[in-house]
Protein backbone atom coordinates (compact mmCIF):
# COMPACT_ATOMS: atom_id res chain seq x y z
CA UNK A 1 76.57 67.36 -85.08
CA UNK A 2 74.35 69.96 -86.73
CA UNK A 3 73.90 73.29 -84.97
CA UNK A 4 71.10 75.55 -86.18
CA UNK A 5 70.93 79.24 -85.34
CA UNK A 6 68.12 79.69 -82.86
CA UNK A 7 65.79 82.60 -82.30
CA UNK A 8 65.76 84.41 -79.00
CA UNK A 9 63.59 82.84 -76.28
CA UNK A 10 61.70 85.71 -74.61
CA UNK A 11 60.11 85.15 -71.19
CA UNK A 12 57.62 87.21 -69.18
CA UNK A 13 58.27 88.58 -65.70
CA UNK A 14 55.56 90.13 -63.59
CA UNK A 15 57.44 89.50 -60.34
CA UNK A 16 61.06 89.46 -59.23
CA UNK A 17 60.80 85.70 -58.65
CA UNK A 18 59.70 85.30 -62.27
CA UNK A 19 62.79 87.26 -63.35
CA UNK A 20 64.98 84.88 -61.36
CA UNK A 21 63.36 81.69 -62.63
CA UNK A 22 63.39 82.91 -66.25
CA UNK A 23 67.12 83.53 -65.98
CA UNK A 24 67.77 80.19 -64.27
CA UNK A 25 65.77 78.16 -66.79
CA UNK A 26 67.38 79.55 -69.91
CA UNK A 27 65.52 82.56 -71.29
CA UNK A 28 67.64 84.69 -73.62
CA UNK A 29 65.65 87.81 -72.80
CA UNK A 30 62.91 88.92 -70.43
CA UNK A 31 60.12 91.45 -70.81
CA UNK A 32 58.55 93.31 -67.92
CA UNK A 33 56.07 96.13 -67.58
CA UNK A 34 56.83 99.72 -66.82
CA UNK A 35 54.58 99.92 -63.74
CA UNK A 36 51.41 101.85 -64.55
CA UNK A 37 52.17 102.24 -68.25
CA UNK A 38 51.75 98.84 -69.90
CA UNK A 39 49.31 96.06 -70.68
CA UNK A 40 50.02 94.48 -67.29
CA UNK A 41 49.64 97.49 -65.03
CA UNK A 42 48.61 95.19 -62.16
CA UNK A 43 51.78 93.11 -62.30
CA UNK A 44 53.15 92.54 -58.80
CA UNK A 45 56.40 94.35 -59.31
CA UNK A 46 57.42 97.94 -58.68
CA UNK A 47 60.18 100.08 -60.16
CA UNK A 48 62.79 98.85 -57.69
CA UNK A 49 61.81 95.25 -58.40
CA UNK A 50 62.21 95.82 -62.14
CA UNK A 51 65.56 97.51 -61.51
CA UNK A 52 66.80 94.51 -59.52
CA UNK A 53 65.51 92.14 -62.20
CA UNK A 54 67.30 94.06 -64.94
CA UNK A 55 70.56 94.04 -62.95
CA UNK A 56 70.29 90.26 -62.40
CA UNK A 57 69.51 89.66 -66.06
CA UNK A 58 72.37 91.83 -67.29
CA UNK A 59 74.77 90.10 -64.90
CA UNK A 60 73.70 86.79 -66.49
CA UNK A 61 74.16 88.13 -70.04
CA UNK A 62 70.40 88.39 -70.70
CA UNK A 63 68.47 91.32 -72.18
CA UNK A 64 65.39 93.00 -70.71
CA UNK A 65 62.70 94.75 -72.73
CA UNK A 66 60.35 97.16 -71.00
CA UNK A 67 56.68 97.09 -72.05
CA UNK A 68 55.37 100.62 -72.56
CA UNK A 69 52.50 99.55 -74.80
CA UNK A 70 49.58 101.61 -73.54
CA UNK A 71 47.50 103.80 -75.82
CA UNK A 72 48.07 107.19 -74.24
CA UNK A 73 45.49 109.92 -73.76
CA UNK A 74 46.52 113.56 -74.02
CA UNK A 75 46.49 114.11 -70.26
CA UNK A 76 49.01 111.31 -69.76
CA UNK A 77 51.74 113.10 -71.67
CA UNK A 78 52.00 115.48 -68.71
CA UNK A 79 53.51 112.56 -66.78
CA UNK A 80 56.09 111.74 -69.43
CA UNK A 81 59.01 113.63 -67.82
CA UNK A 82 58.62 111.34 -64.79
CA UNK A 83 58.39 108.32 -67.07
CA UNK A 84 61.57 109.41 -68.83
CA UNK A 85 63.38 109.53 -65.49
CA UNK A 86 62.19 106.00 -64.66
CA UNK A 87 63.35 104.65 -68.03
CA UNK A 88 66.78 106.26 -67.60
CA UNK A 89 67.02 104.78 -64.10
CA UNK A 90 66.07 101.27 -65.21
CA UNK A 91 68.26 101.11 -68.31
CA UNK A 92 66.34 98.51 -70.39
CA UNK A 93 67.65 97.10 -73.65
CA UNK A 94 64.53 98.11 -75.61
CA UNK A 95 61.05 99.57 -75.19
CA UNK A 96 57.97 97.67 -76.39
CA UNK A 97 55.44 100.24 -77.65
CA UNK A 98 52.26 100.30 -79.74
CA UNK A 99 50.97 103.88 -79.83
CA UNK A 100 52.42 105.97 -82.70
CA UNK A 101 52.49 108.98 -80.38
CA UNK A 102 54.57 107.04 -77.86
CA UNK A 103 56.86 105.89 -80.67
CA UNK A 104 57.44 109.53 -81.60
CA UNK A 105 58.01 110.43 -77.93
CA UNK A 106 60.59 107.65 -77.54
CA UNK A 107 62.45 108.76 -80.67
CA UNK A 108 62.54 112.35 -79.42
CA UNK A 109 63.59 111.54 -75.83
CA UNK A 110 65.59 108.32 -76.28
CA UNK A 111 67.01 108.45 -79.82
CA UNK A 112 69.36 105.51 -79.19
CA UNK A 113 66.77 103.26 -77.52
CA UNK A 114 65.71 100.26 -79.67
CA UNK A 115 61.96 100.26 -80.32
CA UNK A 116 59.95 97.03 -80.47
CA UNK A 117 56.40 97.36 -81.79
CA UNK A 118 53.93 95.50 -79.58
CA UNK A 119 51.39 92.92 -80.73
CA UNK A 120 48.86 95.58 -79.71
CA UNK A 121 49.66 97.33 -82.98
CA UNK A 122 48.03 94.41 -84.86
CA UNK A 123 50.79 93.87 -87.42
CA UNK A 124 49.50 91.39 -90.00
CA UNK A 125 51.38 92.25 -93.21
CA UNK A 126 54.78 93.06 -94.68
CA UNK A 127 53.51 96.54 -95.58
CA UNK A 128 52.79 97.28 -91.92
CA UNK A 129 56.15 95.90 -90.83
CA UNK A 130 57.88 98.23 -93.31
CA UNK A 131 55.81 101.17 -92.06
CA UNK A 132 57.04 100.60 -88.52
CA UNK A 133 60.57 99.94 -89.71
CA UNK A 134 60.54 103.32 -91.47
CA UNK A 135 59.24 104.84 -88.22
CA UNK A 136 62.34 103.59 -86.43
CA UNK A 137 61.34 100.15 -85.16
CA UNK A 138 64.06 97.55 -84.75
CA UNK A 139 61.61 94.66 -84.20
CA UNK A 140 57.91 94.00 -84.79
CA UNK A 141 55.80 91.61 -82.74
CA UNK A 142 53.33 90.09 -85.18
CA UNK A 143 49.65 89.70 -84.33
CA UNK A 144 48.50 86.27 -83.20
CA UNK A 145 46.14 86.24 -86.19
CA UNK A 146 49.10 85.84 -88.58
CA UNK A 147 49.32 82.31 -90.00
CA UNK A 148 52.57 80.43 -90.53
CA UNK A 149 52.31 80.82 -94.31
CA UNK A 150 51.80 84.56 -93.87
CA UNK A 151 54.78 84.76 -91.53
CA UNK A 152 57.04 83.15 -94.13
CA UNK A 153 55.84 85.66 -96.70
CA UNK A 154 56.48 88.56 -94.31
CA UNK A 155 59.91 87.19 -93.47
CA UNK A 156 60.86 87.00 -97.14
CA UNK A 157 59.66 90.57 -97.76
CA UNK A 158 61.26 91.99 -94.58
CA UNK A 159 64.68 90.35 -94.19
CA UNK A 160 66.35 93.25 -92.38
CA UNK A 161 64.01 93.88 -89.44
CA UNK A 162 63.39 91.76 -86.36
CA UNK A 163 60.22 89.65 -86.29
CA UNK A 164 58.77 88.20 -83.11
CA UNK A 165 55.89 85.76 -82.66
CA UNK A 166 54.01 84.36 -79.69
CA UNK A 167 54.50 80.64 -79.20
CA UNK A 168 52.80 80.02 -75.87
CA UNK A 169 50.20 81.50 -73.54
CA UNK A 170 46.66 82.74 -73.14
CA UNK A 171 44.66 83.82 -76.18
CA UNK A 172 42.51 86.95 -76.16
CA UNK A 173 39.13 86.45 -77.82
CA UNK A 174 39.14 90.01 -79.15
CA UNK A 175 41.50 91.27 -81.82
CA UNK A 176 45.03 90.89 -80.40
CA UNK A 177 43.98 92.22 -77.04
CA UNK A 178 42.07 95.28 -78.31
CA UNK A 179 38.99 94.41 -76.25
CA UNK A 180 36.20 96.78 -75.16
CA UNK A 181 34.08 94.25 -73.24
CA UNK A 182 35.85 94.58 -69.89
CA UNK A 183 35.91 98.39 -69.94
CA UNK A 184 32.30 98.63 -71.14
CA UNK A 185 30.78 96.19 -68.63
CA UNK A 186 33.03 96.42 -65.55
CA UNK A 187 34.95 99.67 -66.04
CA UNK A 188 38.26 97.76 -66.03
CA UNK A 189 40.31 98.65 -69.16
CA UNK A 190 41.93 95.66 -70.88
CA UNK A 191 44.66 97.79 -72.39
CA UNK A 192 45.87 98.78 -68.90
CA UNK A 193 46.23 95.25 -67.60
CA UNK A 194 42.94 95.31 -65.69
CA UNK A 195 40.94 92.99 -67.95
CA UNK A 196 38.11 91.17 -66.14
CA UNK A 197 38.38 88.36 -68.74
CA UNK A 198 34.71 88.38 -69.64
CA UNK A 199 35.52 85.87 -72.38
CA UNK A 200 36.03 83.27 -69.61
CA UNK A 201 32.63 83.87 -68.01
CA UNK A 202 29.74 81.45 -68.24
CA UNK A 203 26.90 82.95 -70.31
CA UNK A 204 23.22 82.15 -70.59
CA UNK A 205 21.97 82.73 -74.12
CA UNK A 206 18.61 84.51 -74.34
CA UNK A 207 16.40 84.76 -77.43
CA UNK A 208 14.37 88.00 -77.58
CA UNK A 209 11.35 88.12 -79.90
CA UNK A 210 11.77 91.28 -81.99
CA UNK A 211 8.23 92.61 -82.06
CA UNK A 212 6.86 91.63 -78.63
CA UNK A 213 10.12 91.87 -76.66
CA UNK A 214 9.39 88.54 -74.97
CA UNK A 215 12.63 86.88 -73.78
CA UNK A 216 13.08 83.10 -73.80
CA UNK A 217 16.14 81.22 -72.55
CA UNK A 218 17.79 78.90 -75.03
CA UNK A 219 18.09 75.48 -73.43
CA UNK A 220 21.52 74.17 -72.52
CA UNK A 221 22.81 71.19 -70.57
CA UNK A 222 24.55 71.25 -67.18
CA UNK A 223 27.99 72.01 -68.59
CA UNK A 224 27.10 75.64 -69.20
CA UNK A 225 28.06 77.77 -72.17
CA UNK A 226 31.65 78.98 -72.23
CA UNK A 227 31.20 80.29 -75.75
CA UNK A 228 34.34 82.47 -75.87
CA UNK A 229 36.74 80.35 -73.84
CA UNK A 230 39.78 79.85 -76.05
CA UNK A 231 42.31 77.20 -75.22
CA UNK A 232 45.86 78.39 -74.59
CA UNK A 233 48.25 78.91 -77.48
CA UNK A 234 50.98 76.28 -77.74
CA UNK A 235 53.20 75.96 -80.81
CA UNK A 236 55.45 73.26 -79.35
CA UNK A 237 53.97 70.63 -81.73
CA UNK A 238 55.01 72.85 -84.66
CA UNK A 239 58.25 74.19 -83.20
CA UNK A 240 60.41 72.77 -85.99
CA UNK A 241 58.34 74.64 -88.58
CA UNK A 242 58.45 77.79 -86.46
CA UNK A 243 62.24 77.82 -86.09
CA UNK A 244 62.91 76.90 -89.72
CA UNK A 245 60.98 80.00 -90.82
CA UNK A 246 63.65 82.16 -89.12
CA UNK A 247 61.84 84.37 -86.60
CA UNK A 248 64.12 86.51 -84.47
CA UNK A 249 62.28 86.02 -81.20
CA UNK A 250 59.82 83.51 -79.71
CA UNK A 251 57.62 85.06 -77.05
CA UNK A 252 55.92 83.42 -74.08
CA UNK A 253 52.83 85.20 -72.76
CA UNK A 254 52.28 85.48 -69.02
CA UNK A 255 53.39 88.54 -67.06
CA UNK A 256 50.58 87.85 -64.57
CA UNK A 257 51.61 84.21 -64.18
CA UNK A 258 53.51 82.59 -61.32
CA UNK A 259 57.22 81.82 -61.26
CA UNK A 260 56.23 78.13 -61.53
CA UNK A 261 54.53 78.78 -64.86
CA UNK A 262 57.39 80.92 -66.16
CA UNK A 263 60.12 78.47 -65.15
CA UNK A 264 58.25 75.43 -66.44
CA UNK A 265 57.41 76.89 -69.85
CA UNK A 266 60.84 78.46 -70.36
CA UNK A 267 62.58 75.19 -69.47
CA UNK A 268 60.40 73.18 -71.86
CA UNK A 269 61.03 75.53 -74.79
CA UNK A 270 64.72 75.96 -73.95
CA UNK A 271 65.27 72.21 -73.94
CA UNK A 272 63.18 71.77 -77.10
CA UNK A 273 64.99 74.53 -79.00
CA UNK A 274 68.39 73.15 -78.03
CA UNK A 275 67.32 69.64 -79.06
CA UNK A 276 66.16 70.98 -82.42
CA UNK A 277 69.42 72.87 -82.94
CA UNK A 278 71.46 69.75 -82.22
CA UNK A 279 69.47 67.44 -84.51
CA UNK A 280 66.74 69.20 -86.52
CA UNK A 281 66.02 66.24 -88.81
CA UNK A 282 65.03 64.01 -85.88
CA UNK A 283 63.42 66.56 -83.57
CA UNK A 284 60.47 65.11 -81.61
CA UNK A 285 58.30 67.57 -79.64
CA UNK A 286 56.55 64.82 -77.62
CA UNK A 287 58.70 64.83 -74.45
CA UNK A 288 58.56 68.61 -74.29
CA UNK A 289 54.77 68.56 -74.69
CA UNK A 290 54.63 66.15 -71.76
CA UNK A 291 56.32 68.81 -69.65
CA UNK A 292 53.87 71.51 -70.79
CA UNK A 293 50.89 69.23 -70.10
CA UNK A 294 51.80 69.27 -66.41
CA UNK A 295 50.93 72.96 -66.21
CA UNK A 296 47.50 74.18 -65.21
CA UNK A 297 45.97 75.03 -68.56
CA UNK A 298 42.61 75.26 -70.33
CA UNK A 299 43.97 72.89 -72.97
CA UNK A 300 46.14 73.80 -75.94
CA UNK A 301 45.60 75.01 -79.48
CA UNK A 302 47.90 76.01 -82.33
CA UNK A 303 45.33 78.77 -83.00
CA UNK A 304 45.83 80.51 -86.38
CA UNK A 305 49.08 78.72 -87.26
CA UNK A 306 47.52 76.73 -90.10
CA UNK A 307 44.78 79.21 -90.98
CA UNK A 308 41.17 79.52 -89.78
CA UNK A 309 40.40 78.07 -86.36
CA UNK A 310 38.81 74.67 -86.00
CA UNK A 311 36.27 73.62 -83.36
CA UNK A 312 39.04 72.23 -81.13
CA UNK A 313 40.45 75.72 -80.46
CA UNK A 314 37.86 76.38 -77.73
CA UNK A 315 36.94 74.66 -74.49
CA UNK A 316 33.16 74.93 -74.28
CA UNK A 317 32.85 72.81 -71.11
CA UNK A 318 34.81 74.62 -68.43
CA UNK A 319 37.47 77.20 -67.65
CA UNK A 320 39.11 74.90 -65.11
CA UNK A 321 42.56 73.45 -65.64
CA UNK A 322 42.81 70.17 -67.51
CA UNK A 323 46.03 69.16 -65.71
CA UNK A 324 46.43 66.55 -62.96
CA UNK A 325 49.49 68.35 -61.62
CA UNK A 326 50.18 71.55 -59.74
CA UNK A 327 53.06 73.51 -58.27
CA UNK A 328 54.60 71.93 -55.19
CA UNK A 329 57.04 74.70 -54.30
CA UNK A 330 60.41 76.29 -54.88
CA UNK A 331 63.91 75.70 -53.49
CA UNK A 332 64.98 78.63 -51.31
CA UNK A 333 68.27 77.28 -49.89
CA UNK A 334 70.69 74.40 -50.40
CA UNK A 335 73.25 73.11 -47.88
CA UNK A 336 75.46 70.03 -47.71
CA UNK A 337 72.78 68.25 -45.66
CA UNK A 338 69.43 69.36 -47.03
CA UNK A 339 67.45 71.69 -49.22
CA UNK A 340 64.90 74.17 -47.90
CA UNK A 341 61.72 73.94 -49.95
CA UNK A 342 59.01 76.63 -49.69
CA UNK A 343 55.55 75.23 -50.33
CA UNK A 344 53.09 76.49 -52.96
CA UNK A 345 50.37 73.91 -52.18
CA UNK A 346 49.52 71.72 -49.21
CA UNK A 347 51.98 68.85 -48.90
CA UNK A 348 51.64 65.55 -46.99
CA UNK A 349 53.90 62.74 -45.89
CA UNK A 350 54.24 60.27 -48.76
CA UNK A 351 53.83 62.84 -51.53
CA UNK A 352 56.24 62.55 -54.42
CA UNK A 353 57.53 65.82 -55.80
CA UNK A 354 59.49 66.23 -59.01
CA UNK A 355 62.09 68.96 -59.42
CA UNK A 356 62.32 70.74 -62.76
CA UNK A 357 66.06 70.65 -63.45
CA UNK A 358 67.36 73.60 -65.49
CA UNK A 359 68.42 72.48 -68.97
CA UNK A 360 66.90 68.98 -68.59
CA UNK A 361 63.49 67.82 -69.69
CA UNK A 362 63.57 64.87 -67.29
CA UNK A 363 62.97 65.90 -63.69
CA UNK A 364 64.33 64.50 -60.45
CA UNK A 365 61.73 62.94 -58.13
CA UNK A 366 61.85 62.32 -54.40
CA UNK A 367 59.30 60.83 -52.00
CA UNK A 368 58.73 62.84 -48.84
CA UNK A 369 59.24 60.16 -46.17
CA UNK A 370 58.47 62.75 -43.53
CA UNK A 371 57.76 66.48 -43.41
CA UNK A 372 60.32 68.45 -41.44
CA UNK A 373 59.05 71.93 -40.68
CA UNK A 374 61.98 74.27 -41.32
CA UNK A 375 60.72 76.77 -38.72
CA UNK A 376 61.10 74.45 -35.74
CA UNK A 377 62.51 71.13 -36.99
CA UNK A 378 59.36 69.28 -35.99
CA UNK A 379 58.02 66.37 -38.00
CA UNK A 380 54.41 66.86 -39.18
CA UNK A 381 51.96 64.85 -41.25
CA UNK A 382 50.96 67.72 -43.51
CA UNK A 383 51.78 71.39 -44.00
CA UNK A 384 49.79 74.06 -45.80
CA UNK A 385 51.25 76.60 -48.20
CA UNK A 386 51.49 80.28 -47.36
CA UNK A 387 53.09 82.22 -44.53
CA UNK A 388 56.47 81.20 -45.93
CA UNK A 389 55.92 77.58 -44.83
CA UNK A 390 59.04 75.61 -45.71
CA UNK A 391 60.18 72.02 -45.28
CA UNK A 392 63.65 70.52 -45.12
CA UNK A 393 64.42 67.68 -47.54
CA UNK A 394 67.61 65.71 -46.75
CA UNK A 395 69.84 65.40 -49.78
CA UNK A 396 70.35 61.73 -48.90
CA UNK A 397 66.75 61.03 -49.94
CA UNK A 398 67.70 61.74 -53.55
CA UNK A 399 70.34 59.01 -53.66
CA UNK A 400 72.08 58.82 -57.02
CA UNK A 401 69.47 61.12 -58.55
CA UNK A 402 70.90 64.19 -56.79
CA UNK A 403 72.26 66.87 -59.11
CA UNK A 404 74.12 70.07 -58.35
CA UNK A 405 71.65 71.83 -60.68
CA UNK A 406 69.15 71.84 -57.80
CA UNK A 407 69.83 75.34 -56.56
CA UNK A 408 67.70 78.22 -55.19
CA UNK A 409 64.69 79.03 -57.42
CA UNK A 410 64.48 75.51 -58.81
CA UNK A 411 60.79 74.55 -58.95
CA UNK A 412 58.94 71.30 -58.31
CA UNK A 413 55.50 69.90 -59.07
CA UNK A 414 53.30 67.09 -57.70
CA UNK A 415 50.03 65.32 -58.40
CA UNK A 416 46.89 67.13 -57.28
């Protein structure tokens, strides 16, 4: 059996639950934000949550990289002694930075800390990679605008520095996230994780006559005009080409996403990468794409992988999800008799839910013959999500399909 060396699979974590699911579903490393000082400043995790996540990851043999990729103003350097204390307390495996001033600060204050250069630095060439390597970077995250052919050229010219690429997640319609629209129109800075996502808004296009100033609406049909609504990046269809080009790390976007998203995407790519490593000549991405198609998504695109974008890279009709599935819930406890399953969407008697089994692309399905409210043991016809609402599912309902891989933090999905 052939065994190919695989790149690192890097997962996002904006919550402690996302940390736990990323670990469970096979991520090699996890990246999280330094609260208040990264591109996801609004992530729902505080310093203690990040500390716990790092301890869990290290106990599982995983690495954690801390995003510190803001562009700092002069006044913010006054807070750096406090930031240094937080970094020492957390003990990450690397810092992800983009501002040259922050790079210099890290080298002065943490000379042994590996530096990863963020995609915010817009690295598109071998020359730029070498610049950052000479500045002390151990790894460079390439811009999403880099094509596959360009990546191979950069790899050949830069064999002794880490290269990371995005393989899955939302696409920013401005240049690698350097967007002024949100800050200019709403006062919410994109580079601090507060982006209002104006590229997802519906716009009416107005024609203004230059001399008279008369404004006339340009006619459109009922579907609206989502003129900047990119589909989500997904390189699963080209994963064999991606891996064969020898990147060091494959990155999944989504620090503001749910644990369901993180676990589902990580499991799909983990299973796909392992399948490729075992038999690269016969690798088929189709079953792994089926798993990704169950996520709520705006549709998928390979973006700049093959060069300039085609018309299918955007969804001009809607920003709504194209999926017929959604999160059902997460396992919170397992006993010899039943599992306790916390709901993420309303669930009814007769619903079929499918558990995403770690390390397997095929899930395990069970029909809910009744709903047993875990709070009082009563049988109900339906139960809403929220308030910690949890149902008990007897293990006997699984029959021969039961697997000991169904443990706390295993996720499940169902039809909408």
